[in-house]
Full PDB file with SEQRES, HELIX, SHEET, SSBOND, CRYST1, ORIGX, SCALE, CONECT and MASTER records, all heavy atoms in Angstrom:
SEQRES   1 A   32  LEU PHE MET ASP ASN ILE PRO TYR GLU GLU TRP SER ARG          
SEQRES   2 A   32  TYR VAL ILE GLU LEU LEU GLY ARG GLN GLY ILE ARG GLU          
SEQRES   3 A   32  GLY LEU VAL LEU GLU LEU                                      
HELIX    1 AA1 TYR A    8  GLY A   20  1                                  13    
CRYST1    1.000    1.000    1.000  90.00  90.00  90.00 P 1           1          
ORIGX1      1.000000  0.000000  0.000000        0.00000                         
ORIGX2      0.000000  1.000000  0.000000        0.00000                         
ORIGX3      0.000000  0.000000  1.000000        0.00000                         
SCALE1      1.000000  0.000000  0.000000        0.00000                         
SCALE2      0.000000  1.000000  0.000000        0.00000                         
SCALE3      0.000000  0.000000  1.000000        0.00000                         
ATOM      1  N   LEU A   1      71.234 118.693  13.016  1.00  0.00           N  
ATOM      2  CA  LEU A   1      71.115 117.303  12.511  1.00  0.00           C  
ATOM      3  C   LEU A   1      72.505 116.762  12.292  1.00  0.00           C  
ATOM      4  O   LEU A   1      72.906 115.710  12.782  1.00  0.00           O  
ATOM      5  CB  LEU A   1      70.097 117.145  11.405  1.00  0.00           C  
ATOM      6  CG  LEU A   1      70.019 115.745  10.784  1.00  0.00           C  
ATOM      7  CD1 LEU A   1      69.494 114.750  11.854  1.00  0.00           C  
ATOM      8  CD2 LEU A   1      69.222 115.754   9.472  1.00  0.00           C  
ATOM      9  N   PHE A   2      73.277 117.427  11.472  1.00  0.00           N  
ATOM     10  CA  PHE A   2      74.506 117.028  10.949  1.00  0.00           C  
ATOM     11  C   PHE A   2      75.657 117.351  11.912  1.00  0.00           C  
ATOM     12  O   PHE A   2      76.697 116.706  11.720  1.00  0.00           O  
ATOM     13  CB  PHE A   2      74.821 117.516   9.539  1.00  0.00           C  
ATOM     14  CG  PHE A   2      73.997 116.974   8.426  1.00  0.00           C  
ATOM     15  CD1 PHE A   2      73.056 117.784   7.720  1.00  0.00           C  
ATOM     16  CD2 PHE A   2      73.935 115.630   8.218  1.00  0.00           C  
ATOM     17  CE1 PHE A   2      72.392 117.262   6.707  1.00  0.00           C  
ATOM     18  CE2 PHE A   2      73.164 115.086   7.212  1.00  0.00           C  
ATOM     19  CZ  PHE A   2      72.320 115.953   6.522  1.00  0.00           C  
ATOM     20  N   MET A   3      75.415 118.030  12.960  1.00  0.00           N  
ATOM     21  CA  MET A   3      76.299 118.445  13.840  1.00  0.00           C  
ATOM     22  C   MET A   3      76.139 117.739  15.255  1.00  0.00           C  
ATOM     23  O   MET A   3      76.683 118.109  16.313  1.00  0.00           O  
ATOM     24  CB  MET A   3      76.355 119.978  14.134  1.00  0.00           C  
ATOM     25  CG  MET A   3      76.859 120.731  12.855  1.00  0.00           C  
ATOM     26  SD  MET A   3      78.535 120.520  12.435  1.00  0.00           S  
ATOM     27  CE  MET A   3      79.396 121.592  13.685  1.00  0.00           C  
ATOM     28  N   ASP A   4      75.248 116.754  15.194  1.00  0.00           N  
ATOM     29  CA  ASP A   4      74.951 116.025  16.521  1.00  0.00           C  
ATOM     30  C   ASP A   4      76.146 115.286  17.046  1.00  0.00           C  
ATOM     31  O   ASP A   4      76.134 114.665  18.048  1.00  0.00           O  
ATOM     32  CB  ASP A   4      73.673 115.145  16.343  1.00  0.00           C  
ATOM     33  CG  ASP A   4      73.982 113.985  15.170  1.00  0.00           C  
ATOM     34  OD1 ASP A   4      75.025 113.972  14.680  1.00  0.00           O  
ATOM     35  OD2 ASP A   4      72.973 113.263  14.996  1.00  0.00           O  
ATOM     36  N   ASN A   5      77.262 115.204  16.243  1.00  0.00           N  
ATOM     37  CA  ASN A   5      78.458 114.553  16.807  1.00  0.00           C  
ATOM     38  C   ASN A   5      79.383 115.560  17.578  1.00  0.00           C  
ATOM     39  O   ASN A   5      80.396 115.094  18.150  1.00  0.00           O  
ATOM     40  CB  ASN A   5      79.228 113.878  15.693  1.00  0.00           C  
ATOM     41  CG  ASN A   5      79.814 114.884  14.651  1.00  0.00           C  
ATOM     42  OD1 ASN A   5      79.057 116.014  14.419  1.00  0.00           O  
ATOM     43  ND2 ASN A   5      80.896 114.676  14.009  1.00  0.00           N  
ATOM     44  N   ILE A   6      78.964 116.814  17.578  1.00  0.00           N  
ATOM     45  CA  ILE A   6      79.763 117.824  18.281  1.00  0.00           C  
ATOM     46  C   ILE A   6      79.412 117.620  19.845  1.00  0.00           C  
ATOM     47  O   ILE A   6      78.166 117.948  20.180  1.00  0.00           O  
ATOM     48  CB  ILE A   6      79.570 119.308  17.789  1.00  0.00           C  
ATOM     49  CG1 ILE A   6      79.906 119.290  16.273  1.00  0.00           C  
ATOM     50  CG2 ILE A   6      80.328 120.266  18.623  1.00  0.00           C  
ATOM     51  CD1 ILE A   6      81.428 119.103  16.064  1.00  0.00           C  
ATOM     52  N   PRO A   7      80.359 117.436  20.673  1.00  0.00           N  
ATOM     53  CA  PRO A   7      80.117 117.334  22.215  1.00  0.00           C  
ATOM     54  C   PRO A   7      79.983 118.737  22.726  1.00  0.00           C  
ATOM     55  O   PRO A   7      80.918 119.218  23.449  1.00  0.00           O  
ATOM     56  CB  PRO A   7      81.292 116.563  22.619  1.00  0.00           C  
ATOM     57  CG  PRO A   7      82.432 116.830  21.706  1.00  0.00           C  
ATOM     58  CD  PRO A   7      81.792 117.091  20.344  1.00  0.00           C  
ATOM     59  N   TYR A   8      78.923 119.465  22.566  1.00  0.00           N  
ATOM     60  CA  TYR A   8      78.889 120.848  22.987  1.00  0.00           C  
ATOM     61  C   TYR A   8      78.965 120.964  24.425  1.00  0.00           C  
ATOM     62  O   TYR A   8      79.676 121.947  24.980  1.00  0.00           O  
ATOM     63  CB  TYR A   8      77.595 121.462  22.517  1.00  0.00           C  
ATOM     64  CG  TYR A   8      77.474 121.887  21.158  1.00  0.00           C  
ATOM     65  CD1 TYR A   8      76.721 121.110  20.149  1.00  0.00           C  
ATOM     66  CD2 TYR A   8      78.282 123.025  20.585  1.00  0.00           C  
ATOM     67  CE1 TYR A   8      76.723 121.448  18.879  1.00  0.00           C  
ATOM     68  CE2 TYR A   8      78.153 123.270  19.249  1.00  0.00           C  
ATOM     69  CZ  TYR A   8      77.371 122.520  18.368  1.00  0.00           C  
ATOM     70  OH  TYR A   8      77.379 122.978  17.038  1.00  0.00           O  
ATOM     71  N   GLU A   9      78.438 120.073  25.214  1.00  0.00           N  
ATOM     72  CA  GLU A   9      78.640 120.109  26.672  1.00  0.00           C  
ATOM     73  C   GLU A   9      80.009 120.065  27.149  1.00  0.00           C  
ATOM     74  O   GLU A   9      80.517 120.750  27.917  1.00  0.00           O  
ATOM     75  CB  GLU A   9      77.723 119.075  27.338  1.00  0.00           C  
ATOM     76  CG  GLU A   9      76.247 119.270  27.151  1.00  0.00           C  
ATOM     77  CD  GLU A   9      75.353 118.368  28.057  1.00  0.00           C  
ATOM     78  OE1 GLU A   9      76.013 117.542  28.752  1.00  0.00           O  
ATOM     79  OE2 GLU A   9      74.178 118.397  27.958  1.00  0.00           O  
ATOM     80  N   GLU A  10      80.747 119.103  26.525  1.00  0.00           N  
ATOM     81  CA  GLU A  10      82.222 119.000  26.759  1.00  0.00           C  
ATOM     82  C   GLU A  10      82.964 120.226  26.439  1.00  0.00           C  
ATOM     83  O   GLU A  10      83.861 120.741  27.173  1.00  0.00           O  
ATOM     84  CB  GLU A  10      82.749 117.814  26.189  1.00  0.00           C  
ATOM     85  CG  GLU A  10      84.239 117.567  26.357  1.00  0.00           C  
ATOM     86  CD  GLU A  10      84.789 116.399  25.505  1.00  0.00           C  
ATOM     87  OE1 GLU A  10      84.034 115.449  25.199  1.00  0.00           O  
ATOM     88  OE2 GLU A  10      85.996 116.418  25.219  1.00  0.00           O  
ATOM     89  N   TRP A  11      82.628 120.790  25.230  1.00  0.00           N  
ATOM     90  CA  TRP A  11      83.255 121.994  24.840  1.00  0.00           C  
ATOM     91  C   TRP A  11      82.977 123.102  25.737  1.00  0.00           C  
ATOM     92  O   TRP A  11      83.766 123.989  26.014  1.00  0.00           O  
ATOM     93  CB  TRP A  11      82.891 122.304  23.336  1.00  0.00           C  
ATOM     94  CG  TRP A  11      83.472 121.432  22.359  1.00  0.00           C  
ATOM     95  CD1 TRP A  11      83.988 120.156  22.468  1.00  0.00           C  
ATOM     96  CD2 TRP A  11      83.592 121.685  20.984  1.00  0.00           C  
ATOM     97  NE1 TRP A  11      84.380 119.621  21.281  1.00  0.00           N  
ATOM     98  CE2 TRP A  11      84.104 120.531  20.393  1.00  0.00           C  
ATOM     99  CE3 TRP A  11      83.096 122.640  20.106  1.00  0.00           C  
ATOM    100  CZ2 TRP A  11      84.352 120.455  18.972  1.00  0.00           C  
ATOM    101  CZ3 TRP A  11      83.428 122.676  18.748  1.00  0.00           C  
ATOM    102  CH2 TRP A  11      84.057 121.546  18.193  1.00  0.00           C  
ATOM    103  N   SER A  12      81.669 123.250  26.208  1.00  0.00           N  
ATOM    104  CA  SER A  12      81.338 124.402  26.992  1.00  0.00           C  
ATOM    105  C   SER A  12      82.075 124.320  28.426  1.00  0.00           C  
ATOM    106  O   SER A  12      82.528 125.273  28.862  1.00  0.00           O  
ATOM    107  CB  SER A  12      79.789 124.328  27.238  1.00  0.00           C  
ATOM    108  OG  SER A  12      79.373 123.335  28.079  1.00  0.00           O  
ATOM    109  N   ARG A  13      82.339 123.034  28.863  1.00  0.00           N  
ATOM    110  CA  ARG A  13      82.993 122.931  30.187  1.00  0.00           C  
ATOM    111  C   ARG A  13      84.417 123.416  29.994  1.00  0.00           C  
ATOM    112  O   ARG A  13      84.961 124.068  30.876  1.00  0.00           O  
ATOM    113  CB  ARG A  13      82.996 121.463  30.653  1.00  0.00           C  
ATOM    114  CG  ARG A  13      81.578 121.020  31.130  1.00  0.00           C  
ATOM    115  CD  ARG A  13      81.723 119.704  31.878  1.00  0.00           C  
ATOM    116  NE  ARG A  13      82.100 118.625  31.031  1.00  0.00           N  
ATOM    117  CZ  ARG A  13      81.161 117.787  30.390  1.00  0.00           C  
ATOM    118  NH1 ARG A  13      79.974 118.002  30.473  1.00  0.00           N  
ATOM    119  NH2 ARG A  13      81.651 116.812  29.661  1.00  0.00           N  
ATOM    120  N   TYR A  14      85.026 123.125  29.018  1.00  0.00           N  
ATOM    121  CA  TYR A  14      86.351 123.623  28.576  1.00  0.00           C  
ATOM    122  C   TYR A  14      86.508 125.088  28.500  1.00  0.00           C  
ATOM    123  O   TYR A  14      87.303 125.795  29.179  1.00  0.00           O  
ATOM    124  CB  TYR A  14      86.880 122.998  27.308  1.00  0.00           C  
ATOM    125  CG  TYR A  14      88.253 123.401  26.847  1.00  0.00           C  
ATOM    126  CD1 TYR A  14      89.362 122.997  27.658  1.00  0.00           C  
ATOM    127  CD2 TYR A  14      88.511 124.212  25.800  1.00  0.00           C  
ATOM    128  CE1 TYR A  14      90.734 123.381  27.224  1.00  0.00           C  
ATOM    129  CE2 TYR A  14      89.779 124.594  25.386  1.00  0.00           C  
ATOM    130  CZ  TYR A  14      90.871 124.178  26.120  1.00  0.00           C  
ATOM    131  OH  TYR A  14      92.093 124.538  25.736  1.00  0.00           O  
ATOM    132  N   VAL A  15      85.434 125.740  27.855  1.00  0.00           N  
ATOM    133  CA  VAL A  15      85.409 127.176  27.685  1.00  0.00           C  
ATOM    134  C   VAL A  15      85.134 127.850  29.176  1.00  0.00           C  
ATOM    135  O   VAL A  15      85.851 128.879  29.522  1.00  0.00           O  
ATOM    136  CB  VAL A  15      84.281 127.590  26.769  1.00  0.00           C  
ATOM    137  CG1 VAL A  15      84.034 129.040  26.879  1.00  0.00           C  
ATOM    138  CG2 VAL A  15      84.614 127.158  25.354  1.00  0.00           C  
ATOM    139  N   ILE A  16      84.214 127.280  29.880  1.00  0.00           N  
ATOM    140  CA  ILE A  16      84.018 127.763  31.201  1.00  0.00           C  
ATOM    141  C   ILE A  16      85.126 127.658  32.128  1.00  0.00           C  
ATOM    142  O   ILE A  16      85.387 128.611  32.957  1.00  0.00           O  
ATOM    143  CB  ILE A  16      82.748 127.069  31.777  1.00  0.00           C  
ATOM    144  CG1 ILE A  16      81.422 127.439  30.980  1.00  0.00           C  
ATOM    145  CG2 ILE A  16      82.495 127.353  33.271  1.00  0.00           C  
ATOM    146  CD1 ILE A  16      80.315 126.436  31.227  1.00  0.00           C  
ATOM    147  N   GLU A  17      85.846 126.578  31.984  1.00  0.00           N  
ATOM    148  CA  GLU A  17      87.084 126.450  32.847  1.00  0.00           C  
ATOM    149  C   GLU A  17      88.186 127.465  32.519  1.00  0.00           C  
ATOM    150  O   GLU A  17      88.811 128.042  33.382  1.00  0.00           O  
ATOM    151  CB  GLU A  17      87.617 124.949  32.715  1.00  0.00           C  
ATOM    152  CG  GLU A  17      88.849 124.738  33.574  1.00  0.00           C  
ATOM    153  CD  GLU A  17      89.376 123.317  33.470  1.00  0.00           C  
ATOM    154  OE1 GLU A  17      88.772 122.486  32.781  1.00  0.00           O  
ATOM    155  OE2 GLU A  17      90.517 123.048  33.981  1.00  0.00           O  
ATOM    156  N   LEU A  18      88.347 127.635  31.203  1.00  0.00           N  
ATOM    157  CA  LEU A  18      89.346 128.682  30.807  1.00  0.00           C  
ATOM    158  C   LEU A  18      88.944 130.057  31.148  1.00  0.00           C  
ATOM    159  O   LEU A  18      89.792 130.856  31.714  1.00  0.00           O  
ATOM    160  CB  LEU A  18      89.586 128.606  29.312  1.00  0.00           C  
ATOM    161  CG  LEU A  18      90.330 127.309  28.753  1.00  0.00           C  
ATOM    162  CD1 LEU A  18      90.574 127.517  27.260  1.00  0.00           C  
ATOM    163  CD2 LEU A  18      91.656 127.084  29.572  1.00  0.00           C  
ATOM    164  N   LEU A  19      87.669 130.412  31.050  1.00  0.00           N  
ATOM    165  CA  LEU A  19      87.291 131.663  31.541  1.00  0.00           C  
ATOM    166  C   LEU A  19      87.278 131.831  33.040  1.00  0.00           C  
ATOM    167  O   LEU A  19      87.828 132.877  33.542  1.00  0.00           O  
ATOM    168  CB  LEU A  19      85.734 131.898  31.081  1.00  0.00           C  
ATOM    169  CG  LEU A  19      85.516 132.046  29.618  1.00  0.00           C  
ATOM    170  CD1 LEU A  19      84.024 132.272  29.371  1.00  0.00           C  
ATOM    171  CD2 LEU A  19      86.270 133.329  29.025  1.00  0.00           C  
ATOM    172  N   GLY A  20      87.003 130.773  33.686  1.00  0.00           N  
ATOM    173  CA  GLY A  20      87.062 130.771  35.202  1.00  0.00           C  
ATOM    174  C   GLY A  20      88.477 130.946  35.764  1.00  0.00           C  
ATOM    175  O   GLY A  20      88.736 131.699  36.707  1.00  0.00           O  
ATOM    176  N   ARG A  21      89.464 130.478  34.982  1.00  0.00           N  
ATOM    177  CA  ARG A  21      90.847 130.648  35.271  1.00  0.00           C  
ATOM    178  C   ARG A  21      91.322 132.084  35.141  1.00  0.00           C  
ATOM    179  O   ARG A  21      92.317 132.487  35.863  1.00  0.00           O  
ATOM    180  CB  ARG A  21      91.778 129.698  34.529  1.00  0.00           C  
ATOM    181  CG  ARG A  21      91.660 128.236  34.897  1.00  0.00           C  
ATOM    182  CD  ARG A  21      92.546 127.364  34.051  1.00  0.00           C  
ATOM    183  NE  ARG A  21      92.462 125.909  34.376  1.00  0.00           N  
ATOM    184  CZ  ARG A  21      93.195 125.374  35.468  1.00  0.00           C  
ATOM    185  NH1 ARG A  21      94.064 126.099  36.057  1.00  0.00           N  
ATOM    186  NH2 ARG A  21      93.023 124.089  35.700  1.00  0.00           N  
ATOM    187  N   GLN A  22      90.531 132.845  34.380  1.00  0.00           N  
ATOM    188  CA  GLN A  22      90.804 134.285  34.273  1.00  0.00           C  
ATOM    189  C   GLN A  22      89.895 135.122  35.118  1.00  0.00           C  
ATOM    190  O   GLN A  22      89.877 136.421  35.024  1.00  0.00           O  
ATOM    191  CB  GLN A  22      90.677 134.690  32.782  1.00  0.00           C  
ATOM    192  CG  GLN A  22      91.623 133.946  31.762  1.00  0.00           C  
ATOM    193  CD  GLN A  22      93.083 134.138  32.088  1.00  0.00           C  
ATOM    194  OE1 GLN A  22      93.498 135.262  32.424  1.00  0.00           O  
ATOM    195  NE2 GLN A  22      93.871 133.094  32.011  1.00  0.00           N  
ATOM    196  N   GLY A  23      89.177 134.484  36.096  1.00  0.00           N  
ATOM    197  CA  GLY A  23      88.377 135.114  36.982  1.00  0.00           C  
ATOM    198  C   GLY A  23      86.966 135.511  36.471  1.00  0.00           C  
ATOM    199  O   GLY A  23      86.368 136.321  37.079  1.00  0.00           O  
ATOM    200  N   ILE A  24      86.640 134.975  35.330  1.00  0.00           N  
ATOM    201  CA  ILE A  24      85.435 135.376  34.722  1.00  0.00           C  
ATOM    202  C   ILE A  24      84.344 134.204  34.848  1.00  0.00           C  
ATOM    203  O   ILE A  24      84.395 133.202  34.137  1.00  0.00           O  
ATOM    204  CB  ILE A  24      85.560 135.627  33.179  1.00  0.00           C  
ATOM    205  CG1 ILE A  24      86.452 136.863  33.091  1.00  0.00           C  
ATOM    206  CG2 ILE A  24      84.044 135.997  32.535  1.00  0.00           C  
ATOM    207  CD1 ILE A  24      86.852 137.226  31.640  1.00  0.00           C  
ATOM    208  N   ARG A  25      83.621 134.297  35.992  1.00  0.00           N  
ATOM    209  CA  ARG A  25      82.610 133.175  36.208  1.00  0.00           C  
ATOM    210  C   ARG A  25      81.160 133.667  36.220  1.00  0.00           C  
ATOM    211  O   ARG A  25      80.152 132.864  36.448  1.00  0.00           O  
ATOM    212  CB  ARG A  25      82.846 132.653  37.696  1.00  0.00           C  
ATOM    213  CG  ARG A  25      84.315 132.128  37.899  1.00  0.00           C  
ATOM    214  CD  ARG A  25      84.603 131.648  39.198  1.00  0.00           C  
ATOM    215  NE  ARG A  25      86.004 130.984  39.307  1.00  0.00           N  
ATOM    216  CZ  ARG A  25      87.028 131.724  39.382  1.00  0.00           C  
ATOM    217  NH1 ARG A  25      87.028 133.033  39.515  1.00  0.00           N  
ATOM    218  NH2 ARG A  25      88.246 131.063  39.343  1.00  0.00           N  
ATOM    219  N   GLU A  26      81.035 134.970  35.812  1.00  0.00           N  
ATOM    220  CA  GLU A  26      79.674 135.471  35.661  1.00  0.00           C  
ATOM    221  C   GLU A  26      79.792 136.740  34.812  1.00  0.00           C  
ATOM    222  O   GLU A  26      80.922 137.160  34.379  1.00  0.00           O  
ATOM    223  CB  GLU A  26      79.040 135.882  36.963  1.00  0.00           C  
ATOM    224  CG  GLU A  26      79.810 136.808  37.845  1.00  0.00           C  
ATOM    225  CD  GLU A  26      79.218 137.045  39.105  1.00  0.00           C  
ATOM    226  OE1 GLU A  26      78.235 136.459  39.507  1.00  0.00           O  
ATOM    227  OE2 GLU A  26      79.747 137.907  39.941  1.00  0.00           O  
ATOM    228  N   GLY A  27      78.658 137.425  34.498  1.00  0.00           N  
ATOM    229  CA  GLY A  27      78.672 138.743  33.817  1.00  0.00           C  
ATOM    230  C   GLY A  27      78.459 138.568  32.270  1.00  0.00           C  
ATOM    231  O   GLY A  27      78.070 137.474  31.800  1.00  0.00           O  
ATOM    232  N   LEU A  28      78.472 139.688  31.643  1.00  0.00           N  
ATOM    233  CA  LEU A  28      78.164 139.721  30.177  1.00  0.00           C  
ATOM    234  C   LEU A  28      79.236 138.929  29.360  1.00  0.00           C  
ATOM    235  O   LEU A  28      80.432 139.331  29.512  1.00  0.00           O  
ATOM    236  CB  LEU A  28      78.006 141.154  29.720  1.00  0.00           C  
ATOM    237  CG  LEU A  28      76.645 141.754  29.924  1.00  0.00           C  
ATOM    238  CD1 LEU A  28      76.775 143.253  29.632  1.00  0.00           C  
ATOM    239  CD2 LEU A  28      75.638 141.202  29.053  1.00  0.00           C  
ATOM    240  N   VAL A  29      78.822 138.119  28.454  1.00  0.00           N  
ATOM    241  CA  VAL A  29      79.704 137.480  27.540  1.00  0.00           C  
ATOM    242  C   VAL A  29      79.117 137.401  26.222  1.00  0.00           C  
ATOM    243  O   VAL A  29      77.978 137.149  26.029  1.00  0.00           O  
ATOM    244  CB  VAL A  29      79.948 135.961  28.001  1.00  0.00           C  
ATOM    245  CG1 VAL A  29      80.791 135.144  26.960  1.00  0.00           C  
ATOM    246  CG2 VAL A  29      80.765 135.891  29.364  1.00  0.00           C  
ATOM    247  N   LEU A  30      79.895 137.746  25.163  1.00  0.00           N  
ATOM    248  CA  LEU A  30      79.413 137.822  23.846  1.00  0.00           C  
ATOM    249  C   LEU A  30      79.978 136.652  23.124  1.00  0.00           C  
ATOM    250  O   LEU A  30      81.203 136.302  23.228  1.00  0.00           O  
ATOM    251  CB  LEU A  30      80.005 139.018  23.144  1.00  0.00           C  
ATOM    252  CG  LEU A  30      79.900 139.147  21.618  1.00  0.00           C  
ATOM    253  CD1 LEU A  30      78.493 139.283  21.147  1.00  0.00           C  
ATOM    254  CD2 LEU A  30      80.681 140.347  21.102  1.00  0.00           C  
ATOM    255  N   GLU A  31      79.135 135.919  22.332  1.00  0.00           N  
ATOM    256  CA  GLU A  31      79.614 134.797  21.470  1.00  0.00           C  
ATOM    257  C   GLU A  31      79.472 135.286  20.003  1.00  0.00           C  
ATOM    258  O   GLU A  31      78.420 135.542  19.542  1.00  0.00           O  
ATOM    259  CB  GLU A  31      78.775 133.514  21.607  1.00  0.00           C  
ATOM    260  CG  GLU A  31      79.287 132.379  20.799  1.00  0.00           C  
ATOM    261  CD  GLU A  31      78.524 131.106  20.926  1.00  0.00           C  
ATOM    262  OE1 GLU A  31      77.528 131.036  21.657  1.00  0.00           O  
ATOM    263  OE2 GLU A  31      78.981 130.206  20.214  1.00  0.00           O  
ATOM    264  N   LEU A  32      80.533 135.304  19.380  1.00  0.00           N  
ATOM    265  CA  LEU A  32      80.672 135.676  17.880  1.00  0.00           C  
ATOM    266  C   LEU A  32      80.479 134.433  17.081  1.00  0.00           C  
ATOM    267  O   LEU A  32      81.096 133.387  17.376  1.00  0.00           O  
ATOM    268  CB  LEU A  32      81.876 136.357  17.558  1.00  0.00           C  
ATOM    269  CG  LEU A  32      82.286 137.774  18.087  1.00  0.00           C  
ATOM    270  CD1 LEU A  32      83.587 138.160  17.677  1.00  0.00           C  
ATOM    271  CD2 LEU A  32      81.182 138.677  17.578  1.00  0.00           C  
TER     272      LEU A  32                                                      
MASTER        0    0    0    1    0    0    0    6  271    1    0    3          
END                                                                             
């Protein structure tokens, strides 16, 4: 409720782009 101002979709695109630039576009990923 209080974190509804966090643009998670935008953040996820950034994370996915950075991972993709390192050749990681699939496979096991751990989120801490």
